[in-house]
Amino acid sequence: MKPTLLVLAAGMGSRYGGLKQLDGVGPSGETIMDYSIFDAVRGGFGKVVFVIRKDFEQDFRGKILKKYEHVVPVEIVFQSLDKLPEGFQLPETREKPWGTNHAVMMGKEVICEPFAVINADDFYGRESFKILGDYLQSVENKQNSYCMVGYRVGNTLSESGAVARGVCSTDSEDFLTSVVERTHIIRDTDGQIKYKDDNGDFVVLPENAPVSMNMWGFTPEYFDYSDELFVDFLLKNQDHLKAEFYIPSVVNHLIMNKEAEVKVLDTPSKWFGVTYANDRPTVVAKIQALVDKNEYPEKLF
């Protein structure tokens, strides 16, 4: 069975014109998400599930899904603030979404095979989808064997300013031991990559240090772990209206408690996205260069 791609798109809104997720950056107006779907299909994925908000279902079906329906089976699921376990109620003043792992949980009813998770607005690269697809096919009949595509930090920086990345630690066999979010990573004038630690001091990172760009691979029992840990999260954060239930939090818990292992898959792909407004021309140029090298057709769909 081919793996499924779960695309986290609930952060998109109904006013498409100003949203970076649906900004045309390809030569025929393709979005970054279009390239992810194209790469996933040729990387061996057999279905795509989009996590969206219910309030823009109609527009999403009309403007987005129709592009893919002749290419790969697609489904949508909905993330909402009131999608909570039995016995819990939405705090009246809660406005912030519950986080990336809550979004992942929305796929439980429609995914029963190994699956990948990506952001809608990140360009991950052809090689990454092939590497991830191959791994997920290899664990079809296994449990608790997860993976994360580890990008070389030097391939993920923005020329427009500092970025936040999940810096990964691994053991001698490239299994993940921890992910620590670093919120200020930049290439200095001396060419070195550095992050600012909790004390405000800069620490050098190796060029090839693996970082998470939210490109994960799981088998279906991950949903059950998430259900259990979300209850714990809610019990601990009832009064914290901005607390979020993140994928790395769940992964770190499973690793520390030896309930699962996560293989870090090295990729040569260069990540890019529109982190800053000034990034857009660079993204357009990079995609055009890939088209010129025949890595992508002039028109995807």
Protein backbone atom coordinates (compact mmCIF):
# COMPACT_ATOMS: atom_id res chain seq x y z
CA MET A 1 0.00 0.00 0.00
CA LYS A 2 1.31 3.44 -0.88
CA PRO A 3 1.77 5.95 1.95
CA THR A 4 -0.47 8.98 2.42
CA LEU A 5 0.56 12.63 2.55
CA LEU A 6 -1.10 14.73 5.27
CA VAL A 7 -0.88 18.46 4.45
CA LEU A 8 -1.34 20.92 7.31
CA ALA A 9 -3.30 23.71 5.67
CA ALA A 10 -5.65 24.90 8.43
CA GLY A 11 -3.61 28.08 8.76
CA MET A 12 -4.83 29.16 5.35
CA GLY A 13 -7.75 31.57 5.24
CA SER A 14 -10.57 32.33 2.87
CA ARG A 15 -9.03 35.58 1.58
CA TYR A 16 -6.65 33.83 -0.75
CA GLY A 17 -5.21 36.88 -2.48
CA GLY A 18 -2.90 37.96 0.31
CA LEU A 19 -1.89 34.58 1.65
CA LYS A 20 1.59 33.27 1.00
CA GLN A 21 0.32 29.65 0.87
CA LEU A 22 -1.56 30.37 -2.36
CA ASP A 23 0.74 32.93 -3.87
CA GLY A 24 1.71 31.90 -7.39
CA VAL A 25 5.49 31.42 -7.47
CA GLY A 26 5.84 29.01 -10.40
CA PRO A 27 6.04 29.98 -14.09
CA SER A 28 2.39 29.04 -14.64
CA GLY A 29 1.14 30.43 -11.34
CA GLU A 30 1.86 27.30 -9.28
CA THR A 31 1.89 27.59 -5.50
CA ILE A 32 4.51 26.04 -3.28
CA MET A 33 1.90 23.47 -2.26
CA ASP A 34 1.45 22.45 -5.91
CA TYR A 35 5.10 21.45 -6.05
CA SER A 36 4.74 19.39 -2.87
CA ILE A 37 1.80 17.44 -4.31
CA PHE A 38 3.65 16.92 -7.60
CA ASP A 39 6.78 15.69 -5.80
CA ALA A 40 4.79 13.45 -3.45
CA VAL A 41 3.03 11.67 -6.31
CA ARG A 42 6.27 10.94 -8.14
CA GLY A 43 7.84 9.97 -4.80
CA GLY A 44 5.38 7.11 -4.38
CA PHE A 45 2.54 8.58 -2.32
CA GLY A 46 -0.93 7.28 -3.13
CA LYS A 47 -3.30 9.71 -1.40
CA VAL A 48 -3.31 13.28 -0.11
CA VAL A 49 -5.31 14.45 2.92
CA PHE A 50 -5.63 18.17 3.59
CA VAL A 51 -6.31 19.54 7.08
CA ILE A 52 -8.29 22.74 6.68
CA ARG A 53 -10.82 24.86 8.54
CA LYS A 54 -14.49 24.23 7.88
CA ASP A 55 -15.20 27.88 7.13
CA PHE A 56 -13.39 27.82 3.79
CA GLU A 57 -14.31 24.33 2.63
CA GLN A 58 -16.26 25.57 -0.39
CA ASP A 59 -13.48 27.80 -1.68
CA PHE A 60 -10.88 25.13 -1.00
CA ARG A 61 -12.78 22.51 -2.96
CA GLY A 62 -13.36 24.87 -5.85
CA LYS A 63 -9.94 26.49 -6.09
CA ILE A 64 -7.58 23.84 -4.74
CA LEU A 65 -8.88 20.28 -4.86
CA LYS A 66 -9.99 20.41 -8.48
CA LYS A 67 -6.34 20.81 -9.52
CA TYR A 68 -5.35 17.51 -7.92
CA GLU A 69 -8.37 15.26 -8.28
CA HIS A 70 -7.27 13.88 -11.66
CA VAL A 71 -3.72 13.31 -10.34
CA VAL A 72 -4.15 11.57 -6.97
CA PRO A 73 -7.03 10.66 -4.59
CA VAL A 74 -7.66 13.55 -2.20
CA GLU A 75 -9.65 14.04 0.98
CA ILE A 76 -10.16 16.89 3.41
CA VAL A 77 -10.57 16.84 7.17
CA PHE A 78 -11.35 19.75 9.45
CA GLN A 79 -9.49 21.26 12.38
CA SER A 80 -11.49 23.35 14.79
CA LEU A 81 -10.98 24.68 18.30
CA ASP A 82 -13.88 22.65 19.67
CA LYS A 83 -12.53 19.32 18.38
CA LEU A 84 -11.68 18.07 21.87
CA PRO A 85 -11.75 14.74 23.72
CA GLU A 86 -14.89 13.74 25.57
CA GLY A 87 -15.19 15.55 28.88
CA PHE A 88 -13.38 18.69 27.78
CA GLN A 89 -14.94 22.02 26.82
CA LEU A 90 -13.46 24.85 24.81
CA PRO A 91 -12.39 27.73 27.07
CA GLU A 92 -14.56 30.74 26.27
CA THR A 93 -11.62 33.04 25.56
CA ARG A 94 -9.49 30.54 23.62
CA GLU A 95 -8.72 31.90 20.14
CA LYS A 96 -5.34 30.36 19.29
CA PRO A 97 -5.33 27.00 17.42
CA TRP A 98 -4.33 23.93 19.41
CA GLY A 99 -1.13 23.40 17.41
CA THR A 100 0.39 21.18 14.76
CA ASN A 101 -0.13 17.85 16.48
CA HIS A 102 -3.80 18.63 17.04
CA ALA A 103 -3.99 19.18 13.27
CA VAL A 104 -2.36 15.80 12.67
CA MET A 105 -4.97 14.13 14.88
CA MET A 106 -7.71 15.19 12.46
CA GLY A 107 -6.48 12.55 10.00
CA LYS A 108 -7.24 9.57 12.24
CA GLU A 109 -10.56 8.63 10.64
CA VAL A 110 -9.25 8.59 7.06
CA ILE A 111 -5.66 7.31 7.38
CA CYS A 112 -4.89 3.66 8.13
CA GLU A 113 -1.50 3.38 6.40
CA PRO A 114 1.95 4.92 6.97
CA PHE A 115 1.73 8.66 6.39
CA ALA A 116 3.86 11.77 6.07
CA VAL A 117 3.15 15.21 7.51
CA ILE A 118 4.17 18.49 5.86
CA ASN A 119 3.34 22.18 6.02
CA ALA A 120 1.33 23.64 3.14
CA ASP A 121 3.70 26.56 2.57
CA ASP A 122 7.16 24.99 2.60
CA PHE A 123 9.12 23.89 -0.49
CA TYR A 124 10.69 20.58 0.49
CA GLY A 125 12.29 19.35 -2.73
CA ARG A 126 11.98 16.30 -4.93
CA GLU A 127 14.63 14.19 -3.18
CA SER A 128 13.00 14.61 0.22
CA PHE A 129 9.67 13.17 -0.90
CA LYS A 130 11.40 10.20 -2.54
CA ILE A 131 13.46 9.50 0.59
CA LEU A 132 10.41 9.81 2.82
CA GLY A 133 8.15 7.75 0.54
CA ASP A 134 10.68 4.91 0.37
CA TYR A 135 11.05 4.82 4.15
CA LEU A 136 7.30 4.75 4.77
CA GLN A 137 6.82 1.89 2.33
CA SER A 138 9.50 -0.04 4.23
CA VAL A 139 7.60 0.22 7.55
CA GLU A 140 4.13 -0.67 6.24
CA ASN A 141 3.73 -3.64 8.58
CA LYS A 142 5.65 -2.17 11.52
CA GLN A 143 4.75 -0.02 14.49
CA ASN A 144 6.63 2.69 16.38
CA SER A 145 9.19 3.13 13.58
CA TYR A 146 8.90 6.79 12.67
CA CYS A 147 11.10 9.14 10.72
CA MET A 148 11.88 12.77 10.15
CA VAL A 149 13.53 14.30 7.12
CA GLY A 150 16.53 16.12 8.54
CA TYR A 151 17.53 19.15 6.49
CA ARG A 152 21.09 20.40 6.64
CA VAL A 153 20.75 23.72 8.41
CA GLY A 154 22.82 25.51 5.78
CA ASN A 155 20.18 24.55 3.20
CA THR A 156 17.34 26.16 5.15
CA LEU A 157 18.39 29.73 5.87
CA SER A 158 16.79 32.92 4.65
CA GLU A 159 18.82 35.70 3.11
CA SER A 160 16.40 38.20 4.63
CA GLY A 161 16.93 37.52 8.32
CA ALA A 162 17.06 35.07 11.22
CA VAL A 163 14.93 31.91 11.21
CA ALA A 164 13.58 29.48 13.80
CA ARG A 165 14.44 25.81 13.41
CA GLY A 166 14.14 22.63 15.44
CA VAL A 167 17.79 21.61 15.91
CA CYS A 168 18.08 17.84 16.14
CA SER A 169 20.40 15.61 18.14
CA THR A 170 20.96 12.05 16.94
CA ASP A 171 22.76 8.93 18.11
CA SER A 172 25.43 6.99 16.21
CA GLU A 173 22.76 5.26 14.08
CA ASP A 174 20.99 8.50 13.14
CA PHE A 175 18.03 7.98 15.43
CA LEU A 176 16.61 11.15 16.90
CA THR A 177 17.39 11.79 20.56
CA SER A 178 15.88 15.29 20.89
CA VAL A 179 14.57 18.32 19.01
CA VAL A 180 15.22 21.76 20.51
CA GLU A 181 13.59 24.82 18.98
CA ARG A 182 16.10 27.59 18.30
CA THR A 183 14.37 30.84 17.44
CA HIS A 184 17.27 32.91 16.08
CA ILE A 185 19.51 31.13 13.56
CA ILE A 186 21.50 33.19 11.10
CA ARG A 187 24.61 33.05 8.93
CA ASP A 188 27.04 35.57 10.34
CA THR A 189 29.25 37.91 8.32
CA ASP A 190 32.11 35.46 8.84
CA GLY A 191 30.10 32.76 7.05
CA GLN A 192 29.41 30.71 10.18
CA ILE A 193 25.91 29.58 11.12
CA LYS A 194 24.99 30.53 14.67
CA TYR A 195 21.98 30.43 16.96
CA LYS A 196 21.21 32.53 19.99
CA ASP A 197 20.90 30.43 23.14
CA ASP A 198 18.73 31.07 26.21
CA ASN A 199 21.36 33.38 27.65
CA GLY A 200 21.55 35.49 24.51
CA ASP A 201 24.94 34.10 23.52
CA PHE A 202 25.66 32.91 19.98
CA VAL A 203 26.54 29.24 19.48
CA VAL A 204 28.06 27.93 16.24
CA LEU A 205 26.16 25.24 14.33
CA PRO A 206 27.87 22.96 11.80
CA GLU A 207 26.78 23.56 8.20
CA ASN A 208 25.23 20.07 7.98
CA ALA A 209 23.58 19.99 11.42
CA PRO A 210 20.15 18.35 10.95
CA VAL A 211 17.09 20.51 11.57
CA SER A 212 13.39 19.77 11.44
CA MET A 213 11.28 21.51 8.81
CA ASN A 214 8.12 19.72 9.96
CA MET A 215 8.45 16.84 7.49
CA TRP A 216 7.63 13.71 9.46
CA GLY A 217 6.72 10.09 8.79
CA PHE A 218 4.50 8.00 11.07
CA THR A 219 2.58 4.75 11.21
CA PRO A 220 -1.11 4.84 12.26
CA GLU A 221 -0.71 4.03 15.98
CA TYR A 222 0.78 7.53 16.27
CA PHE A 223 -2.83 8.75 16.37
CA ASP A 224 -3.47 6.72 19.55
CA TYR A 225 -0.40 8.13 21.26
CA SER A 226 -1.54 11.61 20.26
CA ASP A 227 -5.01 11.08 21.70
CA GLU A 228 -3.56 10.06 25.05
CA LEU A 229 -1.00 12.85 25.21
CA PHE A 230 -3.52 15.50 24.15
CA VAL A 231 -5.60 14.67 27.21
CA ASP A 232 -2.49 15.16 29.36
CA PHE A 233 -1.75 18.43 27.56
CA LEU A 234 -5.28 19.75 28.18
CA LEU A 235 -5.20 18.83 31.86
CA LYS A 236 -1.92 20.71 32.30
CA ASN A 237 -2.80 23.74 30.16
CA GLN A 238 -6.43 24.55 30.91
CA ASP A 239 -5.46 28.02 32.08
CA HIS A 240 -2.82 28.66 29.39
CA LEU A 241 -4.83 30.04 26.49
CA LYS A 242 -1.87 30.27 24.12
CA ALA A 243 -0.32 26.86 24.81
CA GLU A 244 -0.07 24.63 21.72
CA PHE A 245 0.22 20.88 21.22
CA TYR A 246 3.20 20.53 18.88
CA ILE A 247 4.48 17.51 16.93
CA PRO A 248 8.01 17.73 18.45
CA SER A 249 6.48 17.62 21.95
CA VAL A 250 4.80 14.31 21.20
CA VAL A 251 7.86 12.92 19.43
CA ASN A 252 10.18 13.90 22.27
CA HIS A 253 7.87 12.22 24.79
CA LEU A 254 7.77 8.98 22.80
CA ILE A 255 11.56 8.96 22.40
CA MET A 256 12.28 9.71 26.05
CA ASN A 257 9.88 6.99 27.17
CA LYS A 258 11.27 4.52 24.60
CA GLU A 259 7.85 3.98 23.09
CA ALA A 260 9.00 4.76 19.54
CA GLU A 261 12.13 5.47 17.55
CA VAL A 262 12.55 8.17 14.94
CA LYS A 263 15.05 7.77 12.12
CA VAL A 264 16.53 11.05 10.87
CA LEU A 265 16.72 10.84 7.08
CA ASP A 266 19.38 13.08 5.58
CA THR A 267 18.35 14.98 2.47
CA PRO A 268 20.39 17.02 -0.01
CA SER A 269 17.28 19.08 -0.84
CA LYS A 270 17.34 22.80 -0.25
CA TRP A 271 14.31 24.00 1.68
CA PHE A 272 12.86 27.37 0.92
CA GLY A 273 9.75 29.35 1.68
CA VAL A 274 8.42 32.86 2.06
CA THR A 275 9.43 33.61 5.62
CA TYR A 276 9.85 37.31 4.86
CA ALA A 277 8.21 39.43 2.14
CA ASN A 278 11.64 39.91 0.59
CA ASP A 279 11.97 36.13 0.15
CA ARG A 280 9.38 35.95 -2.62
CA PRO A 281 11.59 37.04 -5.57
CA THR A 282 14.25 34.55 -4.45
CA VAL A 283 11.70 31.72 -4.28
CA VAL A 284 10.41 32.57 -7.76
CA ALA A 285 13.97 32.57 -9.12
CA LYS A 286 14.86 29.28 -7.45
CA ILE A 287 11.81 27.52 -8.86
CA GLN A 288 12.46 28.93 -12.32
CA ALA A 289 16.02 27.61 -12.11
CA LEU A 290 14.66 24.12 -11.30
CA VAL A 291 12.29 24.36 -14.27
CA ASP A 292 15.16 25.44 -16.50
CA LYS A 293 17.07 22.32 -15.41
CA ASN A 294 14.02 20.19 -16.34
CA GLU A 295 13.44 19.07 -12.76
CA TYR A 296 9.86 20.34 -13.12
CA PRO A 297 7.68 20.96 -16.16
CA GLU A 298 6.70 24.49 -17.12
CA LYS A 299 3.13 23.68 -16.05
CA LEU A 300 2.54 21.12 -13.27
CA PHE A 301 -1.15 20.31 -13.64
